[in-house]
Amino acid sequence: MGVCAMKRIIACALAAVCLYGSAAHPSSSKIFRGLVIDVGSSTVEIKRGRREMTFFWGEKSTVRRRGAAADRASVDICQKARVRYAYRDGRPVIVTLEILSEGYCRK
């Protein structure tokens, strides 16, 4: 077997790994971590540094607190949160919102 044939085999193997990896772990979901600055009936706004993002609740959106399932009402301003989201119809829709720490704001 020549050097060119080996290069082709290696290139095909790498391409197969890349294709399998993207199918097994879809890259369509992203993660954003920051401070909850607004909670609406259909949205949650989170800020990290200068960047603010508004996320939309979906039918299958879930909330987690201390590793356990929680309801949407447990999301409050000033909490630190990590959001896994995916774009659907051009909007960032929450897949999972995890409350990392309780808020420090006073009501």
N, C-alpha and C. Protein backbone atom coordinates (compact mmCIF):
# COMPACT_ATOMS: atom_id res chain seq x y z
N MET A 1 0.85 -1.18 0.00
CA MET A 1 0.00 0.00 0.00
C MET A 1 0.89 1.23 0.00
N GLY A 2 0.54 2.18 -0.85
CA GLY A 2 1.32 3.39 -0.96
C GLY A 2 0.93 4.44 0.06
N VAL A 3 1.71 5.49 0.09
CA VAL A 3 1.47 6.60 1.02
C VAL A 3 0.14 7.28 0.69
N CYS A 4 -0.18 7.43 -0.58
CA CYS A 4 -1.44 8.09 -0.98
C CYS A 4 -2.65 7.28 -0.53
N ALA A 5 -2.54 5.96 -0.66
CA ALA A 5 -3.65 5.10 -0.24
C ALA A 5 -3.86 5.20 1.27
N MET A 6 -2.79 5.24 2.04
CA MET A 6 -2.90 5.37 3.49
C MET A 6 -3.53 6.71 3.87
N LYS A 7 -3.14 7.75 3.17
CA LYS A 7 -3.71 9.07 3.44
C LYS A 7 -5.21 9.07 3.18
N ARG A 8 -5.64 8.41 2.11
CA ARG A 8 -7.07 8.33 1.78
C ARG A 8 -7.83 7.56 2.86
N ILE A 9 -7.25 6.47 3.32
CA ILE A 9 -7.91 5.67 4.36
C ILE A 9 -8.04 6.49 5.64
N ILE A 10 -6.99 7.17 6.01
CA ILE A 10 -7.02 8.00 7.23
C ILE A 10 -8.03 9.13 7.07
N ALA A 11 -8.08 9.77 5.92
CA ALA A 11 -9.03 10.85 5.67
C ALA A 11 -10.46 10.34 5.75
N CYS A 12 -10.73 9.17 5.17
CA CYS A 12 -12.07 8.59 5.22
C CYS A 12 -12.45 8.24 6.66
N ALA A 13 -11.51 7.70 7.41
CA ALA A 13 -11.78 7.34 8.80
C ALA A 13 -12.09 8.59 9.63
N LEU A 14 -11.32 9.65 9.43
CA LEU A 14 -11.59 10.90 10.15
C LEU A 14 -12.93 11.49 9.77
N ALA A 15 -13.28 11.43 8.50
CA ALA A 15 -14.58 11.95 8.05
C ALA A 15 -15.71 11.15 8.69
N ALA A 16 -15.55 9.82 8.77
CA ALA A 16 -16.58 8.99 9.39
C ALA A 16 -16.74 9.31 10.86
N VAL A 17 -15.63 9.52 11.55
CA VAL A 17 -15.69 9.88 12.98
C VAL A 17 -16.39 11.21 13.16
N CYS A 18 -16.08 12.18 12.32
CA CYS A 18 -16.71 13.50 12.42
C CYS A 18 -18.20 13.41 12.16
N LEU A 19 -18.60 12.65 11.17
CA LEU A 19 -20.02 12.51 10.86
C LEU A 19 -20.75 11.78 11.97
N TYR A 20 -20.17 10.72 12.50
CA TYR A 20 -20.79 9.99 13.60
C TYR A 20 -20.88 10.86 14.84
N GLY A 21 -19.83 11.59 15.14
CA GLY A 21 -19.81 12.45 16.32
C GLY A 21 -20.86 13.53 16.27
N SER A 22 -21.09 14.11 15.09
CA SER A 22 -22.10 15.16 15.00
C SER A 22 -23.50 14.60 15.08
N ALA A 23 -23.69 13.35 14.67
CA ALA A 23 -25.02 12.73 14.78
C ALA A 23 -25.30 12.31 16.21
N ALA A 24 -24.27 11.85 16.92
CA ALA A 24 -24.46 11.39 18.29
C ALA A 24 -24.63 12.56 19.25
N HIS A 25 -23.98 13.68 19.00
CA HIS A 25 -24.05 14.85 19.87
C HIS A 25 -24.42 16.06 19.02
N PRO A 26 -25.71 16.32 18.86
CA PRO A 26 -26.09 17.44 18.01
C PRO A 26 -25.55 18.75 18.54
N SER A 27 -24.99 19.54 17.67
CA SER A 27 -24.39 20.80 18.08
C SER A 27 -25.41 21.93 18.05
N SER A 28 -26.68 21.58 17.91
CA SER A 28 -27.70 22.61 17.81
C SER A 28 -28.00 23.27 19.15
N SER A 29 -27.69 22.60 20.26
CA SER A 29 -27.95 23.23 21.55
C SER A 29 -26.69 23.93 22.04
N LYS A 30 -26.92 25.03 22.75
CA LYS A 30 -25.83 25.85 23.27
C LYS A 30 -26.08 26.11 24.74
N ILE A 31 -25.06 26.61 25.42
CA ILE A 31 -25.18 26.91 26.85
C ILE A 31 -24.83 28.37 27.10
N PHE A 32 -25.63 29.03 27.94
CA PHE A 32 -25.38 30.40 28.36
C PHE A 32 -25.53 30.44 29.87
N ARG A 33 -24.58 31.05 30.53
CA ARG A 33 -24.59 31.11 31.99
C ARG A 33 -24.53 32.56 32.42
N GLY A 34 -25.33 32.93 33.41
CA GLY A 34 -25.31 34.30 33.88
C GLY A 34 -26.31 34.55 34.99
N LEU A 35 -26.69 35.81 35.13
CA LEU A 35 -27.57 36.28 36.19
C LEU A 35 -28.96 36.55 35.61
N VAL A 36 -29.99 36.01 36.24
CA VAL A 36 -31.36 36.25 35.80
C VAL A 36 -31.72 37.70 36.13
N ILE A 37 -32.08 38.48 35.10
CA ILE A 37 -32.42 39.88 35.34
C ILE A 37 -33.89 40.19 35.07
N ASP A 38 -34.61 39.24 34.44
CA ASP A 38 -36.04 39.45 34.20
C ASP A 38 -36.70 38.10 33.96
N VAL A 39 -37.88 37.94 34.55
CA VAL A 39 -38.66 36.71 34.35
C VAL A 39 -40.06 37.12 33.92
N GLY A 40 -40.45 36.69 32.75
CA GLY A 40 -41.80 36.96 32.25
C GLY A 40 -42.58 35.66 32.13
N SER A 41 -43.80 35.74 31.66
CA SER A 41 -44.62 34.54 31.53
C SER A 41 -44.12 33.62 30.41
N SER A 42 -43.48 34.20 29.41
CA SER A 42 -43.00 33.38 28.30
C SER A 42 -41.51 33.50 28.05
N THR A 43 -40.82 34.35 28.84
CA THR A 43 -39.40 34.57 28.61
C THR A 43 -38.62 34.66 29.92
N VAL A 44 -37.31 34.47 29.80
CA VAL A 44 -36.37 34.70 30.89
C VAL A 44 -35.20 35.45 30.27
N GLU A 45 -34.79 36.56 30.92
CA GLU A 45 -33.65 37.32 30.42
C GLU A 45 -32.47 37.11 31.36
N ILE A 46 -31.33 36.79 30.76
CA ILE A 46 -30.13 36.49 31.53
C ILE A 46 -28.98 37.35 31.02
N LYS A 47 -28.18 37.84 31.96
CA LYS A 47 -27.07 38.73 31.62
C LYS A 47 -25.76 38.11 32.10
N ARG A 48 -24.76 38.21 31.24
CA ARG A 48 -23.39 37.84 31.61
C ARG A 48 -22.47 38.90 31.04
N GLY A 49 -21.84 39.66 31.92
CA GLY A 49 -21.01 40.77 31.47
C GLY A 49 -21.88 41.80 30.77
N ARG A 50 -21.49 42.17 29.57
CA ARG A 50 -22.27 43.14 28.79
C ARG A 50 -23.34 42.48 27.93
N ARG A 51 -23.30 41.16 27.85
CA ARG A 51 -24.22 40.45 26.97
C ARG A 51 -25.49 40.05 27.71
N GLU A 52 -26.62 40.39 27.12
CA GLU A 52 -27.92 40.01 27.65
C GLU A 52 -28.64 39.18 26.60
N MET A 53 -29.27 38.10 27.04
CA MET A 53 -30.03 37.26 26.12
C MET A 53 -31.41 37.00 26.69
N THR A 54 -32.39 37.00 25.80
CA THR A 54 -33.75 36.65 26.17
C THR A 54 -34.04 35.26 25.64
N PHE A 55 -34.46 34.38 26.53
CA PHE A 55 -34.78 33.00 26.17
C PHE A 55 -36.28 32.79 26.30
N PHE A 56 -36.82 31.95 25.45
CA PHE A 56 -38.25 31.68 25.41
C PHE A 56 -38.53 30.29 25.97
N TRP A 57 -39.63 30.18 26.74
CA TRP A 57 -40.06 28.88 27.24
C TRP A 57 -40.67 28.09 26.09
N GLY A 58 -40.40 26.83 26.05
CA GLY A 58 -41.00 25.93 25.08
C GLY A 58 -41.86 24.91 25.81
N GLU A 59 -42.58 24.11 25.05
CA GLU A 59 -43.45 23.09 25.66
C GLU A 59 -42.65 22.08 26.48
N LYS A 60 -41.43 21.78 26.03
CA LYS A 60 -40.62 20.77 26.70
C LYS A 60 -39.51 21.36 27.58
N SER A 61 -39.54 22.66 27.82
CA SER A 61 -38.53 23.29 28.67
C SER A 61 -38.63 22.76 30.10
N THR A 62 -37.47 22.53 30.72
CA THR A 62 -37.46 22.05 32.10
C THR A 62 -36.60 22.97 32.96
N VAL A 63 -36.86 22.93 34.26
CA VAL A 63 -36.10 23.69 35.25
C VAL A 63 -35.54 22.71 36.26
N ARG A 64 -34.30 22.92 36.66
CA ARG A 64 -33.66 22.09 37.67
C ARG A 64 -33.07 22.98 38.76
N ARG A 65 -33.21 22.53 39.99
CA ARG A 65 -32.66 23.24 41.15
C ARG A 65 -32.08 22.20 42.10
N ARG A 66 -30.80 22.37 42.42
CA ARG A 66 -30.09 21.42 43.29
C ARG A 66 -30.18 19.99 42.76
N GLY A 67 -30.14 19.85 41.45
CA GLY A 67 -30.15 18.53 40.82
C GLY A 67 -31.51 17.88 40.67
N ALA A 68 -32.54 18.52 41.18
CA ALA A 68 -33.89 17.95 41.10
C ALA A 68 -34.77 18.82 40.20
N ALA A 69 -35.83 18.22 39.71
CA ALA A 69 -36.77 18.95 38.88
C ALA A 69 -37.47 20.03 39.71
N ALA A 70 -37.73 21.16 39.07
CA ALA A 70 -38.43 22.27 39.72
C ALA A 70 -39.41 22.86 38.71
N ASP A 71 -40.26 23.75 39.19
CA ASP A 71 -41.21 24.36 38.25
C ASP A 71 -40.71 25.74 37.83
N ARG A 72 -41.32 26.28 36.82
CA ARG A 72 -40.90 27.58 36.27
C ARG A 72 -41.03 28.70 37.28
N ALA A 73 -41.96 28.57 38.20
CA ALA A 73 -42.17 29.62 39.21
C ALA A 73 -40.97 29.76 40.14
N SER A 74 -40.09 28.77 40.18
CA SER A 74 -38.92 28.85 41.06
C SER A 74 -37.81 29.73 40.47
N VAL A 75 -37.95 30.13 39.21
CA VAL A 75 -36.96 31.02 38.58
C VAL A 75 -37.29 32.45 39.00
N ASP A 76 -36.29 33.14 39.56
CA ASP A 76 -36.51 34.49 40.07
C ASP A 76 -35.30 35.36 39.73
N ILE A 77 -35.48 36.67 39.78
CA ILE A 77 -34.39 37.58 39.45
C ILE A 77 -33.25 37.41 40.46
N CYS A 78 -32.05 37.75 40.01
CA CYS A 78 -30.81 37.71 40.78
C CYS A 78 -30.27 36.32 41.05
N GLN A 79 -30.90 35.30 40.51
CA GLN A 79 -30.35 33.96 40.63
C GLN A 79 -29.28 33.75 39.56
N LYS A 80 -28.29 32.95 39.87
CA LYS A 80 -27.33 32.54 38.85
C LYS A 80 -27.90 31.30 38.19
N ALA A 81 -27.85 31.27 36.86
CA ALA A 81 -28.46 30.17 36.14
C ALA A 81 -27.62 29.78 34.93
N ARG A 82 -27.79 28.53 34.52
CA ARG A 82 -27.18 28.04 33.30
C ARG A 82 -28.32 27.55 32.41
N VAL A 83 -28.35 28.05 31.19
CA VAL A 83 -29.42 27.70 30.26
C VAL A 83 -28.85 26.91 29.09
N ARG A 84 -29.41 25.75 28.85
CA ARG A 84 -29.13 25.01 27.62
C ARG A 84 -30.30 25.34 26.70
N TYR A 85 -29.97 25.85 25.52
CA TYR A 85 -31.02 26.31 24.62
C TYR A 85 -30.72 25.89 23.18
N ALA A 86 -31.76 25.95 22.37
CA ALA A 86 -31.62 25.64 20.95
C ALA A 86 -32.48 26.64 20.18
N TYR A 87 -32.02 27.01 19.02
CA TYR A 87 -32.80 27.94 18.19
C TYR A 87 -33.91 27.19 17.48
N ARG A 88 -35.13 27.67 17.67
CA ARG A 88 -36.30 27.13 16.98
C ARG A 88 -37.08 28.31 16.43
N ASP A 89 -37.33 28.28 15.16
CA ASP A 89 -38.02 29.38 14.47
C ASP A 89 -37.30 30.70 14.71
N GLY A 90 -35.97 30.64 14.77
CA GLY A 90 -35.16 31.85 14.91
C GLY A 90 -35.09 32.42 16.32
N ARG A 91 -35.65 31.71 17.30
CA ARG A 91 -35.64 32.20 18.68
C ARG A 91 -34.92 31.21 19.58
N PRO A 92 -34.16 31.71 20.58
CA PRO A 92 -33.51 30.80 21.53
C PRO A 92 -34.52 30.24 22.53
N VAL A 93 -34.82 28.96 22.41
CA VAL A 93 -35.81 28.30 23.25
C VAL A 93 -35.09 27.48 24.31
N ILE A 94 -35.54 27.60 25.54
CA ILE A 94 -34.93 26.91 26.67
C ILE A 94 -35.17 25.41 26.55
N VAL A 95 -34.09 24.65 26.64
CA VAL A 95 -34.20 23.20 26.77
C VAL A 95 -34.21 22.88 28.25
N THR A 96 -33.17 23.36 28.97
CA THR A 96 -33.10 23.19 30.42
C THR A 96 -32.52 24.45 31.04
N LEU A 97 -33.16 24.94 32.08
CA LEU A 97 -32.63 26.05 32.87
C LEU A 97 -32.28 25.48 34.23
N GLU A 98 -31.01 25.59 34.60
CA GLU A 98 -30.55 25.08 35.89
C GLU A 98 -30.23 26.26 36.80
N ILE A 99 -30.87 26.31 37.95
CA ILE A 99 -30.61 27.35 38.93
C ILE A 99 -29.35 26.95 39.69
N LEU A 100 -28.31 27.76 39.58
CA LEU A 100 -27.02 27.44 40.20
C LEU A 100 -26.91 27.96 41.63
N SER A 101 -27.49 29.15 41.88
CA SER A 101 -27.48 29.70 43.23
C SER A 101 -28.68 30.61 43.40
N GLU A 102 -29.08 30.75 44.62
CA GLU A 102 -30.25 31.59 44.94
C GLU A 102 -29.93 33.06 44.72
N GLY A 103 -30.98 33.84 44.54
CA GLY A 103 -30.83 35.27 44.31
C GLY A 103 -30.44 36.01 45.56
N TYR A 104 -29.79 37.14 45.36
CA TYR A 104 -29.36 37.96 46.48
C TYR A 104 -30.19 39.25 46.58
N CYS A 105 -31.15 39.45 45.67
CA CYS A 105 -31.98 40.65 45.68
C CYS A 105 -33.02 40.56 46.81
N ARG A 106 -33.35 41.70 47.33
CA ARG A 106 -34.38 41.75 48.37
C ARG A 106 -35.68 42.20 47.74
N LYS A 107 -36.75 41.61 48.22
CA LYS A 107 -38.07 41.94 47.69
C LYS A 107 -38.81 42.86 48.61
